[in-house]
């Protein structure tokens, strides 16, 4: 990957070039048959697969060419690339190593997701080879930095911007911090993954936002990064089962919330707030997620207040009807494969779970 730290001017130019080419969320969604940009983000691989026969027509316009390269993550002939894109844009994509050229073919090196009048670089979840008969290939790597997805949309649509200083915890490609930065006097993102630092820094440049990015483990010492009025944490997935060991698994919803109390509240100014997106398994004996969260955090004197906002997204929930049938809803993001799905549904049945609800837990520090 090219070191993008000092490429602010190039990314500013890239932003202007992408806009001039008409590459935005509405055009990409329309070209790939998505009802709206949110659905394209949620079902990107399906829309990519469903438009494989449209590639020759797709690459005839600049915004279609960019959609093929960076949303479908497919290759294009070099001759068409040179003909359709402006020389300035084509050269800039190569200079920033966002594409590579091999054997008269141009291949994407990253994804670019247009969203809310912005653009976000990230790794590719899949690639769609243009050769006939080649199916989309899903990608997985330990240091994967995901493009914007359903949880990103859920936070941006449900978290109320505040004021002062914002900390984006587990920033990934930086979509949360970059999108909210305009409401704050200062914004920073932290992530344990060094490649996330590269992507988030590039995306701050690309979208004209002043956001510092740091490589850090949120379980470690974060005091050196200052005091914040608002923090946001998109808790990592997929869904993790609550274990019964004496020590709570830090990656379960309960573990994430305990970490938030132990690590994040101490970073907040008086009456500051941290918003955390988590999926909560609600037992039949509980009235709802608020009662579950209250039980987990009861006794933590550091917490000044708790507010629960339910996220109405079917991809991030398991209704009671689905648990009764023993089937995860189509398109769910809470498990990745059949083995995990079967185990998850069996666990819900055995342990008396009524439903899984994704919520934003807002914890405030004491005044």
Protein backbone atom coordinates (compact mmCIF):
# COMPACT_ATOMS: atom_id res chain seq x y z
CA UNK A 1 0.00 0.00 0.00
CA UNK A 2 1.21 3.52 -0.81
CA UNK A 3 1.94 5.67 2.27
CA UNK A 4 -0.96 8.08 2.08
CA UNK A 5 -0.10 10.18 5.16
CA UNK A 6 1.33 13.06 3.14
CA UNK A 7 -0.98 12.79 0.13
CA UNK A 8 -3.61 15.29 1.24
CA UNK A 9 -3.37 17.40 -1.91
CA UNK A 10 -3.65 14.33 -4.14
CA UNK A 11 -6.74 13.10 -2.30
CA UNK A 12 -8.31 16.53 -2.48
CA UNK A 13 -7.77 16.40 -6.24
CA UNK A 14 -9.18 12.85 -6.34
CA UNK A 15 -12.35 14.00 -4.56
CA UNK A 16 -12.91 16.69 -7.19
CA UNK A 17 -12.23 14.23 -10.00
CA UNK A 18 -14.66 11.60 -8.64
CA UNK A 19 -17.38 14.22 -8.31
CA UNK A 20 -16.73 15.54 -11.81
CA UNK A 21 -17.11 11.97 -13.12
CA UNK A 22 -20.57 11.72 -11.50
CA UNK A 23 -19.52 8.90 -9.17
CA UNK A 24 -21.86 9.15 -6.19
CA UNK A 25 -24.11 6.90 -4.14
CA UNK A 26 -27.22 7.56 -6.21
CA UNK A 27 -25.53 6.79 -9.55
CA UNK A 28 -23.87 3.61 -8.22
CA UNK A 29 -27.12 2.34 -6.69
CA UNK A 30 -29.05 3.06 -9.88
CA UNK A 31 -26.49 1.37 -12.14
CA UNK A 32 -26.47 -1.80 -10.00
CA UNK A 33 -30.22 -1.99 -9.50
CA UNK A 34 -30.34 -1.15 -5.80
CA UNK A 35 -33.45 0.60 -4.50
CA UNK A 36 -31.28 3.08 -2.60
CA UNK A 37 -27.65 3.56 -1.48
CA UNK A 38 -28.25 1.88 1.89
CA UNK A 39 -29.40 -1.32 0.18
CA UNK A 40 -26.34 -1.25 -2.05
CA UNK A 41 -24.10 -1.10 1.02
CA UNK A 42 -26.00 -3.93 2.72
CA UNK A 43 -26.27 -6.24 -0.31
CA UNK A 44 -23.23 -5.20 -2.35
CA UNK A 45 -22.15 -8.72 -3.33
CA UNK A 46 -25.64 -9.67 -4.50
CA UNK A 47 -25.97 -6.55 -6.63
CA UNK A 48 -22.49 -7.16 -8.05
CA UNK A 49 -23.39 -10.74 -8.99
CA UNK A 50 -26.72 -9.72 -10.47
CA UNK A 51 -25.14 -7.20 -12.84
CA UNK A 52 -22.32 -9.34 -14.25
CA UNK A 53 -23.93 -9.30 -17.71
CA UNK A 54 -24.08 -5.51 -17.76
CA UNK A 55 -20.34 -4.82 -17.57
CA UNK A 56 -19.81 -3.91 -21.27
CA UNK A 57 -22.51 -1.24 -21.03
CA UNK A 58 -21.49 -0.24 -17.52
CA UNK A 59 -17.96 0.79 -18.45
CA UNK A 60 -19.08 3.11 -21.24
CA UNK A 61 -19.41 6.13 -18.91
CA UNK A 62 -17.01 7.55 -16.30
CA UNK A 63 -19.35 6.90 -13.35
CA UNK A 64 -20.09 3.41 -14.67
CA UNK A 65 -16.39 2.68 -15.09
CA UNK A 66 -15.74 3.76 -11.49
CA UNK A 67 -18.69 1.68 -10.26
CA UNK A 68 -17.30 -1.39 -12.04
CA UNK A 69 -13.82 -0.85 -10.60
CA UNK A 70 -14.59 0.16 -7.03
CA UNK A 71 -18.13 -1.01 -6.16
CA UNK A 72 -18.32 -4.24 -8.18
CA UNK A 73 -14.53 -4.53 -7.67
CA UNK A 74 -14.13 -5.80 -11.22
CA UNK A 75 -11.38 -5.40 -13.82
CA UNK A 76 -11.67 -3.39 -17.05
CA UNK A 77 -9.72 -3.34 -20.33
CA UNK A 78 -6.89 -0.81 -20.27
CA UNK A 79 -7.95 0.64 -23.64
CA UNK A 80 -11.47 1.38 -22.30
CA UNK A 81 -10.04 2.77 -19.07
CA UNK A 82 -7.89 5.21 -21.07
CA UNK A 83 -10.78 6.14 -23.36
CA UNK A 84 -13.54 6.64 -20.80
CA UNK A 85 -11.82 8.24 -17.81
CA UNK A 86 -10.15 11.63 -18.04
CA UNK A 87 -6.34 11.40 -18.25
CA UNK A 88 -6.05 13.29 -14.97
CA UNK A 89 -8.32 10.86 -13.09
CA UNK A 90 -6.77 7.75 -14.63
CA UNK A 91 -3.25 8.87 -13.77
CA UNK A 92 -4.27 9.89 -10.26
CA UNK A 93 -5.78 6.46 -9.53
CA UNK A 94 -2.52 4.86 -10.64
CA UNK A 95 -0.32 7.32 -8.73
CA UNK A 96 -2.19 6.57 -5.50
CA UNK A 97 -2.02 2.82 -6.27
CA UNK A 98 -5.81 2.51 -6.15
CA UNK A 99 -5.59 0.47 -9.36
CA UNK A 100 -2.92 -1.73 -10.92
CA UNK A 101 -2.28 -2.49 -14.60
CA UNK A 102 -1.38 -6.00 -15.74
CA UNK A 103 -1.52 -7.47 -19.27
CA UNK A 104 -3.59 -4.62 -20.76
CA UNK A 105 -6.14 -4.93 -17.93
CA UNK A 106 -6.83 -2.56 -15.03
CA UNK A 107 -7.59 -4.11 -11.62
CA UNK A 108 -8.90 -2.33 -8.50
CA UNK A 109 -6.64 -2.42 -5.45
CA UNK A 110 -9.26 -1.05 -3.02
CA UNK A 111 -12.99 -0.48 -2.83
CA UNK A 112 -14.40 3.04 -2.95
CA UNK A 113 -17.84 3.40 -1.41
CA UNK A 114 -19.78 6.58 -2.23
CA UNK A 115 -22.03 7.44 0.70
CA UNK A 116 -23.78 10.61 1.85
CA UNK A 117 -21.94 12.82 -0.66
CA UNK A 118 -18.59 11.39 0.46
CA UNK A 119 -16.23 8.62 -0.68
CA UNK A 120 -14.56 5.97 1.47
CA UNK A 121 -11.56 3.80 0.57
CA UNK A 122 -11.33 0.36 2.20
CA UNK A 123 -10.43 -3.23 1.44
CA UNK A 124 -12.55 -5.20 -1.01
CA UNK A 125 -14.96 -7.73 0.51
CA UNK A 126 -15.13 -9.46 -2.86
CA UNK A 127 -13.88 -9.18 -6.43
CA UNK A 128 -15.90 -9.77 -9.59
CA UNK A 129 -13.63 -11.04 -12.40
CA UNK A 130 -14.95 -9.96 -15.78
CA UNK A 131 -13.94 -13.17 -17.56
CA UNK A 132 -16.96 -15.26 -18.55
CA UNK A 133 -17.78 -18.01 -16.06
CA UNK A 134 -15.75 -16.52 -13.21
CA UNK A 135 -17.78 -16.06 -10.04
CA UNK A 136 -17.30 -13.35 -7.40
CA UNK A 137 -14.55 -14.21 -4.93
CA UNK A 138 -15.01 -13.31 -1.25
CA UNK A 139 -11.91 -12.05 0.52
CA UNK A 140 -10.74 -12.52 4.08
CA UNK A 141 -7.50 -11.47 5.74
CA UNK A 142 -6.49 -10.97 9.35
CA UNK A 143 -5.86 -7.26 8.88
CA UNK A 144 -8.99 -6.67 6.78
CA UNK A 145 -10.34 -3.11 6.91
CA UNK A 146 -14.01 -3.36 5.90
CA UNK A 147 -15.84 -0.90 3.70
CA UNK A 148 -18.91 0.86 5.11
CA UNK A 149 -21.68 -1.63 5.90
CA UNK A 150 -25.01 -1.96 7.67
CA UNK A 151 -23.63 -1.21 11.13
CA UNK A 152 -22.00 1.97 9.81
CA UNK A 153 -25.38 3.11 8.47
CA UNK A 154 -27.09 2.16 11.74
CA UNK A 155 -24.76 4.36 13.80
CA UNK A 156 -24.91 7.33 11.45
CA UNK A 157 -28.70 7.15 11.32
CA UNK A 158 -29.22 6.70 15.07
CA UNK A 159 -26.41 8.53 16.88
CA UNK A 160 -27.15 12.19 17.58
CA UNK A 161 -24.14 14.45 16.92
CA UNK A 162 -23.09 16.44 19.94
CA UNK A 163 -20.39 19.10 20.25
CA UNK A 164 -16.88 19.53 21.58
CA UNK A 165 -14.37 16.73 20.90
CA UNK A 166 -15.23 13.38 19.23
CA UNK A 167 -13.34 10.08 19.55
CA UNK A 168 -14.14 7.32 17.02
CA UNK A 169 -13.10 4.04 18.68
CA UNK A 170 -12.27 1.16 16.32
CA UNK A 171 -12.45 3.64 13.44
CA UNK A 172 -11.75 1.13 10.63
CA UNK A 173 -11.94 3.05 7.35
CA UNK A 174 -12.99 6.14 9.33
CA UNK A 175 -16.55 6.51 8.08
CA UNK A 176 -18.02 7.38 11.50
CA UNK A 177 -15.43 9.98 12.48
CA UNK A 178 -15.21 11.51 9.02
CA UNK A 179 -19.00 11.72 8.65
CA UNK A 180 -19.51 13.34 12.07
CA UNK A 181 -16.40 15.54 12.17
CA UNK A 182 -18.16 18.66 10.96
CA UNK A 183 -20.12 18.88 14.23
CA UNK A 184 -17.04 18.97 16.49
CA UNK A 185 -14.10 21.21 17.30
CA UNK A 186 -11.75 18.21 17.11
CA UNK A 187 -12.08 14.60 15.95
CA UNK A 188 -9.78 11.60 16.33
CA UNK A 189 -10.01 7.94 15.40
CA UNK A 190 -8.20 4.99 16.99
CA UNK A 191 -7.84 1.43 15.73
CA UNK A 192 -5.57 -1.47 16.65
CA UNK A 193 -4.98 -2.27 12.96
CA UNK A 194 -2.16 -0.23 11.31
CA UNK A 195 -3.82 -0.55 7.90
CA UNK A 196 -6.93 1.11 9.36
CA UNK A 197 -4.71 4.08 10.14
CA UNK A 198 -3.81 4.31 6.45
CA UNK A 199 -7.38 4.06 5.22
CA UNK A 200 -8.90 6.41 7.81
CA UNK A 201 -6.18 9.00 7.21
CA UNK A 202 -6.72 8.78 3.45
CA UNK A 203 -10.49 9.14 3.87
CA UNK A 204 -10.11 12.20 6.08
CA UNK A 205 -8.02 13.78 3.30
CA UNK A 206 -10.41 12.58 0.58
CA UNK A 207 -13.42 14.15 2.28
CA UNK A 208 -11.75 17.33 3.49
CA UNK A 209 -12.05 16.55 7.19
CA UNK A 210 -9.56 17.35 9.93
CA UNK A 211 -9.32 14.05 11.83
CA UNK A 212 -6.30 12.67 13.64
CA UNK A 213 -5.85 8.90 13.48
CA UNK A 214 -3.89 6.77 15.97
CA UNK A 215 -2.97 3.10 16.09
CA UNK A 216 -4.00 1.89 19.55
CA UNK A 217 -5.69 -0.97 21.40
CA UNK A 218 -8.80 0.27 23.18
CA UNK A 219 -8.00 -2.11 26.06
CA UNK A 220 -4.71 -0.23 26.58
CA UNK A 221 -3.81 3.18 27.96
CA UNK A 222 -5.67 5.84 25.99
CA UNK A 223 -5.19 8.70 28.44
CA UNK A 224 -2.46 10.25 26.30
CA UNK A 225 -5.01 11.01 23.59
CA UNK A 226 -6.79 13.58 25.74
CA UNK A 227 -10.30 14.10 27.08
CA UNK A 228 -13.39 13.76 24.88
CA UNK A 229 -16.96 14.99 25.05
CA UNK A 230 -18.35 12.24 22.84
CA UNK A 231 -17.04 8.79 21.88
CA UNK A 232 -18.55 6.31 19.41
CA UNK A 233 -17.77 2.58 19.21
CA UNK A 234 -19.08 0.27 16.48
CA UNK A 235 -18.55 -2.97 18.42
CA UNK A 236 -16.96 -5.68 16.26
CA UNK A 237 -19.00 -8.61 14.90
CA UNK A 238 -20.19 -11.15 14.13
CA UNK A 239 -22.40 -11.92 17.12
CA UNK A 240 -20.56 -13.55 20.03
CA UNK A 241 -22.35 -15.86 22.47
CA UNK A 242 -22.27 -15.00 26.15
CA UNK A 243 -20.04 -17.52 27.89
CA UNK A 244 -20.63 -18.91 31.37
CA UNK A 245 -17.04 -18.72 32.57
CA UNK A 246 -16.12 -16.57 35.61
CA UNK A 247 -14.38 -14.08 33.29
CA UNK A 248 -16.66 -12.42 30.74
CA UNK A 249 -15.49 -12.77 27.14
CA UNK A 250 -14.44 -9.22 26.16
CA UNK A 251 -15.94 -9.65 22.68
CA UNK A 252 -19.50 -10.43 23.83
CA UNK A 253 -21.98 -7.57 24.23
CA UNK A 254 -21.53 -7.69 28.02
CA UNK A 255 -17.76 -7.69 27.68
CA UNK A 256 -17.83 -4.75 25.29
CA UNK A 257 -19.97 -2.72 27.69
CA UNK A 258 -17.73 -3.54 30.65
CA UNK A 259 -14.75 -2.42 28.55
CA UNK A 260 -16.60 0.78 27.76
CA UNK A 261 -17.02 1.49 31.47
CA UNK A 262 -13.46 0.51 32.35
CA UNK A 263 -11.65 2.11 29.39
CA UNK A 264 -13.87 4.73 27.75
CA UNK A 265 -15.69 6.58 30.53
CA UNK A 266 -12.37 7.69 31.98
CA UNK A 267 -11.61 9.45 28.69
CA UNK A 268 -14.77 11.54 28.81
CA UNK A 269 -15.22 15.04 30.11
CA UNK A 270 -17.86 15.47 32.85
CA UNK A 271 -21.30 14.52 31.45
CA UNK A 272 -19.62 13.18 28.29
CA UNK A 273 -21.26 10.32 26.39
CA UNK A 274 -20.02 7.15 24.70
CA UNK A 275 -22.38 5.51 22.18
CA UNK A 276 -21.81 1.76 21.56
CA UNK A 277 -23.54 -0.40 18.95
CA UNK A 278 -24.07 -3.97 20.24
CA UNK A 279 -26.37 -6.93 19.52
CA UNK A 280 -28.03 -8.19 22.70
CA UNK A 281 -29.63 -11.60 23.25
CA UNK A 282 -32.76 -10.94 25.32
CA UNK A 283 -33.91 -13.86 27.53
CA UNK A 284 -37.59 -14.70 27.77
CA UNK A 285 -37.52 -13.65 31.42
CA UNK A 286 -36.36 -10.10 30.58
CA UNK A 287 -38.67 -7.29 29.51
CA UNK A 288 -36.19 -6.08 26.87
CA UNK A 289 -32.59 -5.04 26.16
CA UNK A 290 -32.69 -2.18 28.67
CA UNK A 291 -33.25 -4.63 31.54
CA UNK A 292 -30.39 -6.83 30.28
CA UNK A 293 -27.96 -3.92 30.05
CA UNK A 294 -29.00 -2.58 33.44
CA UNK A 295 -28.28 -5.97 34.98
CA UNK A 296 -24.82 -6.11 33.43
CA UNK A 297 -23.81 -2.60 34.49
CA UNK A 298 -25.57 -2.33 37.86
CA UNK A 299 -23.06 -1.36 40.50
CA UNK A 300 -20.70 0.56 38.20
CA UNK A 301 -20.50 3.88 40.02
CA UNK A 302 -18.65 5.46 37.10
CA UNK A 303 -21.82 5.42 34.99
CA UNK A 304 -23.83 8.61 35.28
CA UNK A 305 -26.68 7.39 33.07
CA UNK A 306 -27.73 4.72 30.55
CA UNK A 307 -29.92 5.23 27.50
CA UNK A 308 -30.95 2.49 25.05
CA UNK A 309 -31.87 3.19 21.41
CA UNK A 310 -33.14 0.19 19.45
CA UNK A 311 -31.87 -0.07 15.87
CA UNK A 312 -34.65 -1.19 13.55
CA UNK A 313 -32.52 -3.06 11.04
CA UNK A 314 -33.53 -6.64 10.11
CA UNK A 315 -29.94 -7.50 9.17
CA UNK A 316 -28.86 -6.84 12.75
CA UNK A 317 -31.65 -8.60 14.66
CA UNK A 318 -33.22 -12.02 15.19
CA UNK A 319 -36.96 -11.76 15.94
CA UNK A 320 -38.74 -14.25 18.18
CA UNK A 321 -40.47 -15.79 15.17
CA UNK A 322 -37.10 -16.66 13.59
CA UNK A 323 -35.84 -18.32 16.80
CA UNK A 324 -39.05 -20.35 17.00
CA UNK A 325 -38.45 -21.59 13.44
CA UNK A 326 -34.73 -22.17 14.10
CA UNK A 327 -33.73 -20.12 11.06
CA UNK A 328 -31.65 -16.95 10.90
CA UNK A 329 -33.36 -14.26 8.78
CA UNK A 330 -32.02 -13.94 5.19
CA UNK A 331 -29.18 -11.44 4.88
CA UNK A 332 -28.42 -11.43 8.61
CA UNK A 333 -24.99 -10.12 9.58
CA UNK A 334 -24.92 -11.93 12.93
CA UNK A 335 -23.27 -15.14 11.62
CA UNK A 336 -21.04 -15.92 8.65
CA UNK A 337 -21.67 -19.55 7.69
CA UNK A 338 -24.10 -22.45 8.10
CA UNK A 339 -22.18 -24.04 10.96
CA UNK A 340 -22.23 -20.79 12.97
CA UNK A 341 -25.90 -20.20 12.13
CA UNK A 342 -26.94 -23.68 13.28
CA UNK A 343 -24.96 -23.38 16.49
CA UNK A 344 -26.34 -19.89 17.16
CA UNK A 345 -29.96 -20.93 16.71
CA UNK A 346 -29.45 -24.02 18.87
CA UNK A 347 -27.91 -21.89 21.59
CA UNK A 348 -30.86 -19.50 21.56
CA UNK A 349 -33.30 -22.37 21.94
CA UNK A 350 -31.33 -24.14 24.70
CA UNK A 351 -30.78 -21.02 26.78
CA UNK A 352 -34.25 -19.51 26.49
CA UNK A 353 -33.39 -16.50 24.37
CA UNK A 354 -36.51 -14.75 23.09
CA UNK A 355 -34.93 -12.43 20.53
CA UNK A 356 -31.74 -10.63 19.53
CA UNK A 357 -31.99 -6.86 19.31
CA UNK A 358 -29.29 -4.50 18.13
CA UNK A 359 -29.15 -1.32 20.17
CA UNK A 360 -27.03 1.74 20.73
CA UNK A 361 -26.12 1.92 24.39
CA UNK A 362 -25.36 5.49 25.44
CA UNK A 363 -23.34 5.70 28.66
CA UNK A 364 -22.73 9.08 30.23
CA UNK A 365 -19.99 9.96 32.66
CA UNK A 366 -20.85 11.66 35.92
CA UNK A 367 -21.08 15.48 35.97
